[in-house]
Amino acid sequence: MKTTRSRYLIAVATATCAITGCANTTIDGNSPSTSDSSLPPLTGGTHITMDAVTATLPPVLAQSSICSQGSNTEAGDLYLFCSVSPASPLNRGLSDNNLVYLVWVNTIQAERTLQDWRDDDRPELITENATRTAAARIEYLDAVNSVHYVDTISGLNINISAGSLPTAEAATTFLHRADLMN
């Protein structure tokens, strides 16, 4: 229990830093792209209640998640700390621990993130849906280091805690079960 809580707190601190702009870096330590001046300035603050954020989640994910209110991102969007039990059909057989994630809603940020991923030199890390409006970036070596998901239509941004999913295959399976990548 103590190890799981420690992992959770480390993951929360890392993800919080990533979404609130600690040292102005993204979750993987690369500087955010500022070369595309055609994108509007990063604004937010449209989803400032727990209900507004959870209403954006696919129903199957919302029903399987226990969330608590976090703080606000730099753009003013409320983020939530959520977990999915290993007993949930979404997580069953994928991990022995709770799957922990942060979620917030910001369409402009989702669009920028997806564009940055496409411009990056590691396309093998990105999985996009058929319409290319949602994508996940799964980084891994021996185990999954990070899973970040964005949807440019709904503005959904999800960072799954490092260590919540043991393999890239488990991460992909979870994304499909949660109706995030279809």
C-alpha atoms as a PDB file:
ATOM      1  CA  MET A   1       0.000   0.000   0.000  1.00  0.00           C
ATOM      2  CA  LYS A   2       2.817   2.397   0.886  1.00  0.00           C
ATOM      3  CA  THR A   3       4.588   1.717  -2.442  1.00  0.00           C
ATOM      4  CA  THR A   4       1.378   2.274  -4.418  1.00  0.00           C
ATOM      5  CA  ARG A   5       0.709   5.546  -2.576  1.00  0.00           C
ATOM      6  CA  SER A   6       4.297   6.693  -3.194  1.00  0.00           C
ATOM      7  CA  ARG A   7       3.993   5.922  -6.897  1.00  0.00           C
ATOM      8  CA  TYR A   8       0.683   7.777  -6.976  1.00  0.00           C
ATOM      9  CA  LEU A   9       2.139  10.866  -5.301  1.00  0.00           C
ATOM     10  CA  ILE A  10       5.183  10.884  -7.606  1.00  0.00           C
ATOM     11  CA  ALA A  11       2.939  10.493 -10.641  1.00  0.00           C
ATOM     12  CA  VAL A  12       0.617  13.270  -9.455  1.00  0.00           C
ATOM     13  CA  ALA A  13       3.539  15.625  -8.830  1.00  0.00           C
ATOM     14  CA  THR A  14       5.028  14.873 -12.255  1.00  0.00           C
ATOM     15  CA  ALA A  15       1.720  15.274 -14.060  1.00  0.00           C
ATOM     16  CA  THR A  16       0.816  18.417 -12.129  1.00  0.00           C
ATOM     17  CA  CYS A  17       4.107  19.952 -13.124  1.00  0.00           C
ATOM     18  CA  ALA A  18       3.468  18.936 -16.740  1.00  0.00           C
ATOM     19  CA  ILE A  19       0.037  20.550 -17.003  1.00  0.00           C
ATOM     20  CA  THR A  20       0.738  23.639 -14.963  1.00  0.00           C
ATOM     21  CA  GLY A  21       3.881  24.516 -16.829  1.00  0.00           C
ATOM     22  CA  CYS A  22       6.666  23.853 -14.325  1.00  0.00           C
ATOM     23  CA  ALA A  23       9.815  25.118 -16.022  1.00  0.00           C
ATOM     24  CA  ASN A  24       7.708  25.509 -19.184  1.00  0.00           C
ATOM     25  CA  THR A  25       8.272  21.931 -20.338  1.00  0.00           C
ATOM     26  CA  THR A  26       6.023  19.156 -21.512  1.00  0.00           C
ATOM     27  CA  ILE A  27       5.732  15.793 -19.812  1.00  0.00           C
ATOM     28  CA  ASP A  28       8.624  14.310 -21.788  1.00  0.00           C
ATOM     29  CA  GLY A  29      10.953  17.219 -20.993  1.00  0.00           C
ATOM     30  CA  ASN A  30      10.950  18.766 -24.460  1.00  0.00           C
ATOM     31  CA  SER A  31      10.155  22.442 -24.815  1.00  0.00           C
ATOM     32  CA  PRO A  32       6.698  23.140 -26.161  1.00  0.00           C
ATOM     33  CA  SER A  33       6.592  24.191 -29.780  1.00  0.00           C
ATOM     34  CA  THR A  34       6.090  27.879 -30.354  1.00  0.00           C
ATOM     35  CA  SER A  35       6.853  27.912 -34.068  1.00  0.00           C
ATOM     36  CA  ASP A  36       3.249  27.757 -35.289  1.00  0.00           C
ATOM     37  CA  SER A  37       1.893  31.269 -34.997  1.00  0.00           C
ATOM     38  CA  SER A  38      -1.340  30.233 -36.771  1.00  0.00           C
ATOM     39  CA  LEU A  39      -2.633  28.679 -33.541  1.00  0.00           C
ATOM     40  CA  PRO A  40      -4.657  30.932 -31.263  1.00  0.00           C
ATOM     41  CA  PRO A  41      -3.216  31.877 -27.887  1.00  0.00           C
ATOM     42  CA  LEU A  42      -3.682  29.266 -25.173  1.00  0.00           C
ATOM     43  CA  THR A  43      -6.832  30.144 -23.281  1.00  0.00           C
ATOM     44  CA  GLY A  44      -9.182  28.073 -21.196  1.00  0.00           C
ATOM     45  CA  GLY A  45     -11.404  28.241 -18.204  1.00  0.00           C
ATOM     46  CA  THR A  46     -14.434  26.751 -19.951  1.00  0.00           C
ATOM     47  CA  HIS A  47     -14.519  23.553 -17.859  1.00  0.00           C
ATOM     48  CA  ILE A  48     -14.200  24.735 -14.279  1.00  0.00           C
ATOM     49  CA  THR A  49     -16.398  22.237 -12.416  1.00  0.00           C
ATOM     50  CA  MET A  50     -15.996  18.515 -11.804  1.00  0.00           C
ATOM     51  CA  ASP A  51     -19.289  17.862 -13.595  1.00  0.00           C
ATOM     52  CA  ALA A  52     -18.170  19.785 -16.681  1.00  0.00           C
ATOM     53  CA  VAL A  53     -14.898  17.837 -16.900  1.00  0.00           C
ATOM     54  CA  THR A  54     -16.400  14.399 -16.230  1.00  0.00           C
ATOM     55  CA  ALA A  55     -19.198  15.070 -18.743  1.00  0.00           C
ATOM     56  CA  THR A  56     -16.510  15.226 -21.428  1.00  0.00           C
ATOM     57  CA  LEU A  57     -15.228  11.720 -20.622  1.00  0.00           C
ATOM     58  CA  PRO A  58     -16.631   8.776 -22.567  1.00  0.00           C
ATOM     59  CA  PRO A  59     -19.469   7.320 -20.422  1.00  0.00           C
ATOM     60  CA  VAL A  60     -17.702   4.000 -19.858  1.00  0.00           C
ATOM     61  CA  LEU A  61     -14.626   5.799 -18.485  1.00  0.00           C
ATOM     62  CA  ALA A  62     -16.648   8.261 -16.401  1.00  0.00           C
ATOM     63  CA  GLN A  63     -18.645   5.421 -14.799  1.00  0.00           C
ATOM     64  CA  SER A  64     -15.496   3.453 -13.940  1.00  0.00           C
ATOM     65  CA  SER A  65     -13.528   6.372 -12.507  1.00  0.00           C
ATOM     66  CA  ILE A  66     -13.350   7.879  -9.062  1.00  0.00           C
ATOM     67  CA  CYS A  67     -12.225  11.500  -9.383  1.00  0.00           C
ATOM     68  CA  SER A  68     -11.296  14.295  -7.040  1.00  0.00           C
ATOM     69  CA  GLN A  69     -10.828  17.949  -7.803  1.00  0.00           C
ATOM     70  CA  GLY A  70      -7.349  19.252  -8.440  1.00  0.00           C
ATOM     71  CA  SER A  71      -6.268  22.804  -9.088  1.00  0.00           C
ATOM     72  CA  ASN A  72      -6.261  24.786 -12.337  1.00  0.00           C
ATOM     73  CA  THR A  73      -3.929  24.637 -15.308  1.00  0.00           C
ATOM     74  CA  GLU A  74      -2.107  27.777 -16.456  1.00  0.00           C
ATOM     75  CA  ALA A  75      -4.981  28.402 -18.880  1.00  0.00           C
ATOM     76  CA  GLY A  76      -7.558  28.259 -16.073  1.00  0.00           C
ATOM     77  CA  ASP A  77      -8.936  24.773 -16.723  1.00  0.00           C
ATOM     78  CA  LEU A  78      -9.828  22.597 -13.753  1.00  0.00           C
ATOM     79  CA  TYR A  79      -8.051  19.266 -13.711  1.00  0.00           C
ATOM     80  CA  LEU A  80      -9.168  16.163 -11.881  1.00  0.00           C
ATOM     81  CA  PHE A  81      -7.214  13.322 -10.282  1.00  0.00           C
ATOM     82  CA  CYS A  82      -8.943  10.072 -11.222  1.00  0.00           C
ATOM     83  CA  SER A  83      -8.398   6.380 -10.696  1.00  0.00           C
ATOM     84  CA  VAL A  84      -9.788   3.171 -12.148  1.00  0.00           C
ATOM     85  CA  SER A  85      -9.761   0.093  -9.944  1.00  0.00           C
ATOM     86  CA  PRO A  86      -8.018  -3.098 -11.143  1.00  0.00           C
ATOM     87  CA  ALA A  87     -11.416  -4.796 -10.658  1.00  0.00           C
ATOM     88  CA  SER A  88     -13.043  -2.503 -13.235  1.00  0.00           C
ATOM     89  CA  PRO A  89     -13.741  -4.065 -16.639  1.00  0.00           C
ATOM     90  CA  LEU A  90     -11.621  -1.256 -18.141  1.00  0.00           C
ATOM     91  CA  ASN A  91      -8.538  -2.246 -16.144  1.00  0.00           C
ATOM     92  CA  ARG A  92      -9.165  -5.944 -15.509  1.00  0.00           C
ATOM     93  CA  GLY A  93      -6.132  -7.987 -16.484  1.00  0.00           C
ATOM     94  CA  LEU A  94      -4.063  -4.951 -17.464  1.00  0.00           C
ATOM     95  CA  SER A  95      -2.601  -3.892 -14.122  1.00  0.00           C
ATOM     96  CA  ASP A  96      -2.637  -5.064 -10.505  1.00  0.00           C
ATOM     97  CA  ASN A  97      -2.823  -1.442  -9.316  1.00  0.00           C
ATOM     98  CA  ASN A  98      -5.310   1.361  -9.700  1.00  0.00           C
ATOM     99  CA  LEU A  99      -4.864   3.091 -13.021  1.00  0.00           C
ATOM    100  CA  VAL A 100      -4.314   6.756 -12.130  1.00  0.00           C
ATOM    101  CA  TYR A 101      -4.801   9.683 -14.484  1.00  0.00           C
ATOM    102  CA  LEU A 102      -5.205  13.448 -14.671  1.00  0.00           C
ATOM    103  CA  VAL A 103      -7.871  14.898 -16.935  1.00  0.00           C
ATOM    104  CA  TRP A 104      -8.714  18.428 -18.066  1.00  0.00           C
ATOM    105  CA  VAL A 105     -10.463  19.973 -21.054  1.00  0.00           C
ATOM    106  CA  ASN A 106      -8.858  22.499 -23.391  1.00  0.00           C
ATOM    107  CA  THR A 107      -9.365  22.271 -27.167  1.00  0.00           C
ATOM    108  CA  ILE A 108      -6.549  24.656 -28.100  1.00  0.00           C
ATOM    109  CA  GLN A 109      -4.073  22.781 -25.933  1.00  0.00           C
ATOM    110  CA  ALA A 110      -5.206  19.440 -27.417  1.00  0.00           C
ATOM    111  CA  GLU A 111      -4.723  20.821 -30.957  1.00  0.00           C
ATOM    112  CA  ARG A 112      -1.258  22.156 -30.107  1.00  0.00           C
ATOM    113  CA  THR A 113      -0.215  18.931 -28.431  1.00  0.00           C
ATOM    114  CA  LEU A 114      -1.310  16.811 -31.384  1.00  0.00           C
ATOM    115  CA  GLN A 115       0.489  19.126 -33.811  1.00  0.00           C
ATOM    116  CA  ASP A 116       3.658  18.935 -31.692  1.00  0.00           C
ATOM    117  CA  TRP A 117       3.458  15.135 -31.754  1.00  0.00           C
ATOM    118  CA  ARG A 118       3.063  15.109 -35.524  1.00  0.00           C
ATOM    119  CA  ASP A 119       6.042  17.474 -35.912  1.00  0.00           C
ATOM    120  CA  ASP A 120       8.205  15.357 -33.585  1.00  0.00           C
ATOM    121  CA  ASP A 121      10.751  12.915 -34.941  1.00  0.00           C
ATOM    122  CA  ARG A 122       9.190   9.884 -33.181  1.00  0.00           C
ATOM    123  CA  PRO A 123       5.946   9.063 -35.046  1.00  0.00           C
ATOM    124  CA  GLU A 124       6.085   5.449 -33.837  1.00  0.00           C
ATOM    125  CA  LEU A 125       4.979   6.670 -30.393  1.00  0.00           C
ATOM    126  CA  ILE A 126       1.680   8.110 -31.700  1.00  0.00           C
ATOM    127  CA  THR A 127      -1.567   6.261 -32.313  1.00  0.00           C
ATOM    128  CA  GLU A 128      -4.371   8.271 -33.957  1.00  0.00           C
ATOM    129  CA  ASN A 129      -8.028   7.471 -34.469  1.00  0.00           C
ATOM    130  CA  ALA A 130      -9.381   6.990 -38.017  1.00  0.00           C
ATOM    131  CA  THR A 131     -10.481  10.633 -38.373  1.00  0.00           C
ATOM    132  CA  ARG A 132      -7.177  11.934 -36.946  1.00  0.00           C
ATOM    133  CA  THR A 133      -9.010  14.027 -34.336  1.00  0.00           C
ATOM    134  CA  ALA A 134      -7.800  12.076 -31.297  1.00  0.00           C
ATOM    135  CA  ALA A 135      -4.455  10.529 -30.535  1.00  0.00           C
ATOM    136  CA  ALA A 136      -2.374   8.962 -27.833  1.00  0.00           C
ATOM    137  CA  ARG A 137       1.362   9.134 -27.337  1.00  0.00           C
ATOM    138  CA  ILE A 138       2.665   6.075 -25.531  1.00  0.00           C
ATOM    139  CA  GLU A 139       6.287   6.258 -24.412  1.00  0.00           C
ATOM    140  CA  TYR A 140       7.956   3.096 -23.219  1.00  0.00           C
ATOM    141  CA  LEU A 141      11.183   1.144 -22.942  1.00  0.00           C
ATOM    142  CA  ASP A 142      10.799  -1.960 -20.791  1.00  0.00           C
ATOM    143  CA  ALA A 143       7.588  -0.609 -19.283  1.00  0.00           C
ATOM    144  CA  VAL A 144       5.243   2.241 -20.108  1.00  0.00           C
ATOM    145  CA  ASN A 145       6.730   5.553 -18.966  1.00  0.00           C
ATOM    146  CA  SER A 146       3.833   7.795 -19.975  1.00  0.00           C
ATOM    147  CA  VAL A 147       0.545   7.795 -21.815  1.00  0.00           C
ATOM    148  CA  HIS A 148      -0.893  11.111 -22.922  1.00  0.00           C
ATOM    149  CA  TYR A 149      -4.194  11.304 -24.811  1.00  0.00           C
ATOM    150  CA  VAL A 150      -5.794  14.274 -26.569  1.00  0.00           C
ATOM    151  CA  ASP A 151      -9.043  14.787 -28.442  1.00  0.00           C
ATOM    152  CA  THR A 152      -9.112  17.925 -30.590  1.00  0.00           C
ATOM    153  CA  ILE A 153     -12.922  17.929 -30.908  1.00  0.00           C
ATOM    154  CA  SER A 154     -13.882  17.655 -27.225  1.00  0.00           C
ATOM    155  CA  GLY A 155     -10.641  19.174 -25.896  1.00  0.00           C
ATOM    156  CA  LEU A 156     -10.083  16.195 -23.619  1.00  0.00           C
ATOM    157  CA  ASN A 157      -6.508  15.900 -22.293  1.00  0.00           C
ATOM    158  CA  ILE A 158      -5.565  12.842 -20.239  1.00  0.00           C
ATOM    159  CA  ASN A 159      -2.209  11.992 -18.670  1.00  0.00           C
ATOM    160  CA  ILE A 160      -2.061   8.444 -17.369  1.00  0.00           C
ATOM    161  CA  SER A 161       0.359   7.986 -14.500  1.00  0.00           C
ATOM    162  CA  ALA A 162       3.732   6.461 -15.238  1.00  0.00           C
ATOM    163  CA  GLY A 163       3.695   2.862 -14.117  1.00  0.00           C
ATOM    164  CA  SER A 164      -0.092   2.496 -14.198  1.00  0.00           C
ATOM    165  CA  LEU A 165       0.129   0.290 -17.288  1.00  0.00           C
ATOM    166  CA  PRO A 166       2.965  -2.228 -17.672  1.00  0.00           C
ATOM    167  CA  THR A 167       3.198  -2.419 -21.485  1.00  0.00           C
ATOM    168  CA  ALA A 168       2.348  -0.456 -24.616  1.00  0.00           C
ATOM    169  CA  GLU A 169      -0.155  -3.197 -25.494  1.00  0.00           C
ATOM    170  CA  ALA A 170      -1.897  -2.758 -22.119  1.00  0.00           C
ATOM    171  CA  ALA A 171      -2.013   1.012 -22.691  1.00  0.00           C
ATOM    172  CA  THR A 172      -3.542   0.551 -26.149  1.00  0.00           C
ATOM    173  CA  THR A 173      -6.068  -1.966 -24.804  1.00  0.00           C
ATOM    174  CA  PHE A 174      -7.100   0.432 -22.047  1.00  0.00           C
ATOM    175  CA  LEU A 175      -7.559   3.310 -24.517  1.00  0.00           C
ATOM    176  CA  HIS A 176      -9.853   1.125 -26.652  1.00  0.00           C
ATOM    177  CA  ARG A 177     -11.829  -0.235 -23.680  1.00  0.00           C
ATOM    178  CA  ALA A 178     -12.347   3.305 -22.398  1.00  0.00           C
ATOM    179  CA  ASP A 179     -13.747   4.383 -25.811  1.00  0.00           C
ATOM    180  CA  LEU A 180     -10.958   6.908 -26.238  1.00  0.00           C
ATOM    181  CA  MET A 181      -9.477   5.365 -29.398  1.00  0.00           C
ATOM    182  CA  ASN A 182     -12.073   3.923 -31.751  1.00  0.00           C
END
